[in-house]
Amino acid sequence: MAKDDDDLPPVSGCSKKTLLAPAHLVPLSVHELEAYVAELKAKIAQVKTDIKAKTAQRDAAEALFKS
């Protein structure tokens, strides 16, 4: 049985806890917070694109081996 990707150790060396740790936001101004949100949204969009690409690659490999 294949392992889920969530079961694999992180390749980047960052744990999930590190990646999801909130930044210290209190000293930031509203403008800085809005810029931070924009950066996060851009990062989320990139991650979603990466997920789609990896899913397509995995699906293609699975289809190849099912034949």
PDB file of N, CA and C in Angstrom:
ATOM      1  N   MET A   1       0.838  -1.180   0.000  1.00  0.00           N
ATOM      2  CA  MET A   1       0.000   0.000   0.000  1.00  0.00           C
ATOM      3  C   MET A   1       0.883   1.245   0.000  1.00  0.00           C
ATOM      4  N   ALA A   2       0.570   2.216  -0.843  1.00  0.00           N
ATOM      5  CA  ALA A   2       1.375   3.426  -0.962  1.00  0.00           C
ATOM      6  C   ALA A   2       1.100   4.372   0.201  1.00  0.00           C
ATOM      7  N   LYS A   3       2.121   5.088   0.577  1.00  0.00           N
ATOM      8  CA  LYS A   3       1.970   6.078   1.632  1.00  0.00           C
ATOM      9  C   LYS A   3       1.381   7.352   1.063  1.00  0.00           C
ATOM     10  N   ASP A   4       0.610   8.061   1.871  1.00  0.00           N
ATOM     11  CA  ASP A   4       0.137   9.374   1.474  1.00  0.00           C
ATOM     12  C   ASP A   4       1.296  10.355   1.558  1.00  0.00           C
ATOM     13  N   ASP A   5       1.217  11.418   0.768  1.00  0.00           N
ATOM     14  CA  ASP A   5       2.266  12.432   0.805  1.00  0.00           C
ATOM     15  C   ASP A   5       2.394  13.054   2.195  1.00  0.00           C
ATOM     16  N   ASP A   6       1.272  13.117   2.950  1.00  0.00           N
ATOM     17  CA  ASP A   6       1.311  13.700   4.282  1.00  0.00           C
ATOM     18  C   ASP A   6       2.164  12.875   5.240  1.00  0.00           C
ATOM     19  N   ASP A   7       2.360  11.589   4.926  1.00  0.00           N
ATOM     20  CA  ASP A   7       3.145  10.716   5.784  1.00  0.00           C
ATOM     21  C   ASP A   7       4.638  10.844   5.532  1.00  0.00           C
ATOM     22  N   LEU A   8       5.006  11.488   4.444  1.00  0.00           N
ATOM     23  CA  LEU A   8       6.412  11.614   4.082  1.00  0.00           C
ATOM     24  C   LEU A   8       7.064  12.746   4.857  1.00  0.00           C
ATOM     25  N   PRO A   9       8.353  12.610   5.166  1.00  0.00           N
ATOM     26  CA  PRO A   9       9.041  13.708   5.848  1.00  0.00           C
ATOM     27  C   PRO A   9       9.169  14.905   4.910  1.00  0.00           C
ATOM     28  N   PRO A  10       9.175  16.115   5.449  1.00  0.00           N
ATOM     29  CA  PRO A  10       9.298  17.289   4.598  1.00  0.00           C
ATOM     30  C   PRO A  10      10.646  17.325   3.889  1.00  0.00           C
ATOM     31  N   VAL A  11      10.625  17.633   2.611  1.00  0.00           N
ATOM     32  CA  VAL A  11      11.852  17.687   1.823  1.00  0.00           C
ATOM     33  C   VAL A  11      12.646  18.942   2.152  1.00  0.00           C
ATOM     34  N   SER A  12      11.944  20.026   2.434  1.00  0.00           N
ATOM     35  CA  SER A  12      12.614  21.303   2.658  1.00  0.00           C
ATOM     36  C   SER A  12      13.361  21.374   3.972  1.00  0.00           C
ATOM     37  N   GLY A  13      13.106  20.413   4.861  1.00  0.00           N
ATOM     38  CA  GLY A  13      13.743  20.465   6.171  1.00  0.00           C
ATOM     39  C   GLY A  13      12.938  21.256   7.175  1.00  0.00           C
ATOM     40  N   CYS A  14      11.859  21.895   6.742  1.00  0.00           N
ATOM     41  CA  CYS A  14      10.984  22.635   7.640  1.00  0.00           C
ATOM     42  C   CYS A  14       9.849  21.723   8.071  1.00  0.00           C
ATOM     43  N   SER A  15       9.579  21.713   9.349  1.00  0.00           N
ATOM     44  CA  SER A  15       8.454  20.924   9.826  1.00  0.00           C
ATOM     45  C   SER A  15       7.165  21.690   9.553  1.00  0.00           C
ATOM     46  N   LYS A  16       6.046  20.992   9.598  1.00  0.00           N
ATOM     47  CA  LYS A  16       4.753  21.661   9.413  1.00  0.00           C
ATOM     48  C   LYS A  16       4.571  22.738  10.466  1.00  0.00           C
ATOM     49  N   LYS A  17       5.029  22.452  11.676  1.00  0.00           N
ATOM     50  CA  LYS A  17       4.891  23.413  12.758  1.00  0.00           C
ATOM     51  C   LYS A  17       5.639  24.712  12.423  1.00  0.00           C
ATOM     52  N   THR A  18       6.821  24.589  11.852  1.00  0.00           N
ATOM     53  CA  THR A  18       7.609  25.764  11.477  1.00  0.00           C
ATOM     54  C   THR A  18       6.939  26.526  10.347  1.00  0.00           C
ATOM     55  N   LEU A  19       6.424  25.804   9.364  1.00  0.00           N
ATOM     56  CA  LEU A  19       5.799  26.456   8.226  1.00  0.00           C
ATOM     57  C   LEU A  19       4.525  27.194   8.613  1.00  0.00           C
ATOM     58  N   LEU A  20       3.809  26.671   9.603  1.00  0.00           N
ATOM     59  CA  LEU A  20       2.535  27.259   9.979  1.00  0.00           C
ATOM     60  C   LEU A  20       2.633  28.203  11.165  1.00  0.00           C
ATOM     61  N   ALA A  21       3.829  28.379  11.701  1.00  0.00           N
ATOM     62  CA  ALA A  21       3.992  29.252  12.859  1.00  0.00           C
ATOM     63  C   ALA A  21       3.666  30.690  12.472  1.00  0.00           C
ATOM     64  N   PRO A  22       2.792  31.334  13.232  1.00  0.00           N
ATOM     65  CA  PRO A  22       2.442  32.713  12.891  1.00  0.00           C
ATOM     66  C   PRO A  22       3.608  33.663  13.132  1.00  0.00           C
ATOM     67  N   ALA A  23       3.710  34.626  12.267  1.00  0.00           N
ATOM     68  CA  ALA A  23       4.734  35.658  12.435  1.00  0.00           C
ATOM     69  C   ALA A  23       4.301  36.573  13.582  1.00  0.00           C
ATOM     70  N   HIS A  24       5.237  37.296  14.142  1.00  0.00           N
ATOM     71  CA  HIS A  24       4.911  38.260  15.192  1.00  0.00           C
ATOM     72  C   HIS A  24       4.297  39.477  14.507  1.00  0.00           C
ATOM     73  N   LEU A  25       2.974  39.590  14.588  1.00  0.00           N
ATOM     74  CA  LEU A  25       2.250  40.585  13.801  1.00  0.00           C
ATOM     75  C   LEU A  25       1.931  41.864  14.563  1.00  0.00           C
ATOM     76  N   VAL A  26       2.026  41.855  15.860  1.00  0.00           N
ATOM     77  CA  VAL A  26       1.603  42.991  16.677  1.00  0.00           C
ATOM     78  C   VAL A  26       2.290  44.299  16.289  1.00  0.00           C
ATOM     79  N   PRO A  27       3.596  44.307  16.073  1.00  0.00           N
ATOM     80  CA  PRO A  27       4.233  45.599  15.785  1.00  0.00           C
ATOM     81  C   PRO A  27       4.010  46.124  14.362  1.00  0.00           C
ATOM     82  N   LEU A  28       3.385  45.338  13.506  1.00  0.00           N
ATOM     83  CA  LEU A  28       3.206  45.759  12.118  1.00  0.00           C
ATOM     84  C   LEU A  28       2.054  46.734  11.969  1.00  0.00           C
ATOM     85  N   SER A  29       2.221  47.670  11.043  1.00  0.00           N
ATOM     86  CA  SER A  29       1.155  48.627  10.737  1.00  0.00           C
ATOM     87  C   SER A  29       0.097  47.957   9.868  1.00  0.00           C
ATOM     88  N   VAL A  30      -1.024  48.635   9.688  1.00  0.00           N
ATOM     89  CA  VAL A  30      -2.089  48.105   8.836  1.00  0.00           C
ATOM     90  C   VAL A  30      -1.559  47.892   7.425  1.00  0.00           C
ATOM     91  N   HIS A  31      -0.808  48.844   6.911  1.00  0.00           N
ATOM     92  CA  HIS A  31      -0.240  48.722   5.570  1.00  0.00           C
ATOM     93  C   HIS A  31       0.687  47.507   5.478  1.00  0.00           C
ATOM     94  N   GLU A  32       1.523  47.320   6.477  1.00  0.00           N
ATOM     95  CA  GLU A  32       2.434  46.167   6.488  1.00  0.00           C
ATOM     96  C   GLU A  32       1.657  44.854   6.586  1.00  0.00           C
ATOM     97  N   LEU A  33       0.586  44.846   7.376  1.00  0.00           N
ATOM     98  CA  LEU A  33      -0.236  43.646   7.487  1.00  0.00           C
ATOM     99  C   LEU A  33      -0.920  43.323   6.163  1.00  0.00           C
ATOM    100  N   GLU A  34      -1.409  44.345   5.480  1.00  0.00           N
ATOM    101  CA  GLU A  34      -2.033  44.131   4.171  1.00  0.00           C
ATOM    102  C   GLU A  34      -1.018  43.594   3.166  1.00  0.00           C
ATOM    103  N   ALA A  35       0.194  44.102   3.206  1.00  0.00           N
ATOM    104  CA  ALA A  35       1.253  43.612   2.326  1.00  0.00           C
ATOM    105  C   ALA A  35       1.591  42.166   2.668  1.00  0.00           C
ATOM    106  N   TYR A  36       1.608  41.849   3.949  1.00  0.00           N
ATOM    107  CA  TYR A  36       1.886  40.484   4.401  1.00  0.00           C
ATOM    108  C   TYR A  36       0.800  39.532   3.900  1.00  0.00           C
ATOM    109  N   VAL A  37      -0.459  39.948   3.992  1.00  0.00           N
ATOM    110  CA  VAL A  37      -1.575  39.133   3.499  1.00  0.00           C
ATOM    111  C   VAL A  37      -1.425  38.909   1.995  1.00  0.00           C
ATOM    112  N   ALA A  38      -1.043  39.946   1.261  1.00  0.00           N
ATOM    113  CA  ALA A  38      -0.853  39.812  -0.189  1.00  0.00           C
ATOM    114  C   ALA A  38       0.260  38.798  -0.491  1.00  0.00           C
ATOM    115  N   GLU A  39       1.343  38.846   0.279  1.00  0.00           N
ATOM    116  CA  GLU A  39       2.439  37.884   0.100  1.00  0.00           C
ATOM    117  C   GLU A  39       1.958  36.464   0.375  1.00  0.00           C
ATOM    118  N   LEU A  40       1.178  36.301   1.436  1.00  0.00           N
ATOM    119  CA  LEU A  40       0.661  34.978   1.778  1.00  0.00           C
ATOM    120  C   LEU A  40      -0.265  34.452   0.689  1.00  0.00           C
ATOM    121  N   LYS A  41      -1.119  35.319   0.155  1.00  0.00           N
ATOM    122  CA  LYS A  41      -2.026  34.909  -0.920  1.00  0.00           C
ATOM    123  C   LYS A  41      -1.242  34.479  -2.155  1.00  0.00           C
ATOM    124  N   ALA A  42      -0.178  35.196  -2.471  1.00  0.00           N
ATOM    125  CA  ALA A  42       0.660  34.827  -3.614  1.00  0.00           C
ATOM    126  C   ALA A  42       1.325  33.476  -3.364  1.00  0.00           C
ATOM    127  N   LYS A  43       1.778  33.250  -2.156  1.00  0.00           N
ATOM    128  CA  LYS A  43       2.412  31.980  -1.807  1.00  0.00           C
ATOM    129  C   LYS A  43       1.399  30.843  -1.888  1.00  0.00           C
ATOM    130  N   ILE A  44       0.186  31.087  -1.409  1.00  0.00           N
ATOM    131  CA  ILE A  44      -0.873  30.079  -1.476  1.00  0.00           C
ATOM    132  C   ILE A  44      -1.179  29.730  -2.925  1.00  0.00           C
ATOM    133  N   ALA A  45      -1.254  30.725  -3.791  1.00  0.00           N
ATOM    134  CA  ALA A  45      -1.515  30.481  -5.208  1.00  0.00           C
ATOM    135  C   ALA A  45      -0.406  29.622  -5.819  1.00  0.00           C
ATOM    136  N   GLN A  46       0.826  29.901  -5.467  1.00  0.00           N
ATOM    137  CA  GLN A  46       1.957  29.116  -5.972  1.00  0.00           C
ATOM    138  C   GLN A  46       1.895  27.681  -5.475  1.00  0.00           C
ATOM    139  N   VAL A  47       1.561  27.512  -4.212  1.00  0.00           N
ATOM    140  CA  VAL A  47       1.466  26.161  -3.648  1.00  0.00           C
ATOM    141  C   VAL A  47       0.348  25.382  -4.326  1.00  0.00           C
ATOM    142  N   LYS A  48      -0.788  26.033  -4.585  1.00  0.00           N
ATOM    143  CA  LYS A  48      -1.901  25.364  -5.276  1.00  0.00           C
ATOM    144  C   LYS A  48      -1.484  24.941  -6.680  1.00  0.00           C
ATOM    145  N   THR A  49      -0.711  25.771  -7.366  1.00  0.00           N
ATOM    146  CA  THR A  49      -0.204  25.428  -8.688  1.00  0.00           C
ATOM    147  C   THR A  49       0.725  24.218  -8.598  1.00  0.00           C
ATOM    148  N   ASP A  50       1.590  24.221  -7.601  1.00  0.00           N
ATOM    149  CA  ASP A  50       2.507  23.091  -7.396  1.00  0.00           C
ATOM    150  C   ASP A  50       1.738  21.807  -7.093  1.00  0.00           C
ATOM    151  N   ILE A  51       0.698  21.916  -6.292  1.00  0.00           N
ATOM    152  CA  ILE A  51      -0.117  20.743  -5.959  1.00  0.00           C
ATOM    153  C   ILE A  51      -0.769  20.180  -7.213  1.00  0.00           C
ATOM    154  N   LYS A  52      -1.319  21.046  -8.052  1.00  0.00           N
ATOM    155  CA  LYS A  52      -1.948  20.586  -9.297  1.00  0.00           C
ATOM    156  C   LYS A  52      -0.931  19.874 -10.186  1.00  0.00           C
ATOM    157  N   ALA A  53       0.263  20.440 -10.297  1.00  0.00           N
ATOM    158  CA  ALA A  53       1.295  19.834 -11.138  1.00  0.00           C
ATOM    159  C   ALA A  53       1.722  18.474 -10.587  1.00  0.00           C
ATOM    160  N   LYS A  54       1.912  18.394  -9.290  1.00  0.00           N
ATOM    161  CA  LYS A  54       2.338  17.129  -8.694  1.00  0.00           C
ATOM    162  C   LYS A  54       1.228  16.084  -8.767  1.00  0.00           C
ATOM    163  N   THR A  55      -0.012  16.514  -8.611  1.00  0.00           N
ATOM    164  CA  THR A  55      -1.135  15.592  -8.722  1.00  0.00           C
ATOM    165  C   THR A  55      -1.232  15.042 -10.142  1.00  0.00           C
ATOM    166  N   ALA A  56      -1.075  15.908 -11.125  1.00  0.00           N
ATOM    167  CA  ALA A  56      -1.111  15.467 -12.523  1.00  0.00           C
ATOM    168  C   ALA A  56       0.025  14.489 -12.810  1.00  0.00           C
ATOM    169  N   GLN A  57       1.208  14.772 -12.285  1.00  0.00           N
ATOM    170  CA  GLN A  57       2.352  13.888 -12.478  1.00  0.00           C
ATOM    171  C   GLN A  57       2.102  12.531 -11.824  1.00  0.00           C
ATOM    172  N   ARG A  58       1.573  12.537 -10.609  1.00  0.00           N
ATOM    173  CA  ARG A  58       1.274  11.288  -9.906  1.00  0.00           C
ATOM    174  C   ARG A  58       0.208  10.493 -10.649  1.00  0.00           C
ATOM    175  N   ASP A  59      -0.856  11.187 -11.109  1.00  0.00           N
ATOM    176  CA  ASP A  59      -1.933  10.515 -11.835  1.00  0.00           C
ATOM    177  C   ASP A  59      -1.418   9.880 -13.127  1.00  0.00           C
ATOM    178  N   ALA A  60      -0.523  10.585 -13.811  1.00  0.00           N
ATOM    179  CA  ALA A  60       0.054  10.047 -15.043  1.00  0.00           C
ATOM    180  C   ALA A  60       0.893   8.805 -14.752  1.00  0.00           C
ATOM    181  N   ALA A  61       1.648   8.838 -13.686  1.00  0.00           N
ATOM    182  CA  ALA A  61       2.470   7.678 -13.311  1.00  0.00           C
ATOM    183  C   ALA A  61       1.589   6.502 -12.921  1.00  0.00           C
ATOM    184  N   GLU A  62       0.523   6.766 -12.157  1.00  0.00           N
ATOM    185  CA  GLU A  62      -0.395   5.700 -11.756  1.00  0.00           C
ATOM    186  C   GLU A  62      -1.068   5.077 -12.985  1.00  0.00           C
ATOM    187  N   ALA A  63      -1.452   5.933 -13.935  1.00  0.00           N
ATOM    188  CA  ALA A  63      -2.092   5.435 -15.147  1.00  0.00           C
ATOM    189  C   ALA A  63      -1.137   4.561 -15.954  1.00  0.00           C
ATOM    190  N   LEU A  64       0.120   4.945 -15.982  1.00  0.00           N
ATOM    191  CA  LEU A  64       1.129   4.189 -16.712  1.00  0.00           C
ATOM    192  C   LEU A  64       1.301   2.792 -16.114  1.00  0.00           C
ATOM    193  N   PHE A  65       1.300   2.705 -14.798  1.00  0.00           N
ATOM    194  CA  PHE A  65       1.517   1.415 -14.144  1.00  0.00           C
ATOM    195  C   PHE A  65       0.259   0.565 -14.045  1.00  0.00           C
ATOM    196  N   LYS A  66      -0.906   1.164 -14.263  1.00  0.00           N
ATOM    197  CA  LYS A  66      -2.154   0.393 -14.255  1.00  0.00           C
ATOM    198  C   LYS A  66      -2.340  -0.363 -15.563  1.00  0.00           C
ATOM    199  N   SER A  67      -1.682   0.103 -16.607  1.00  0.00           N
ATOM    200  CA  SER A  67      -1.842  -0.513 -17.925  1.00  0.00           C
ATOM    201  C   SER A  67      -1.242  -1.894 -17.972  1.00  0.00           C
TER     202      SER A  67
END
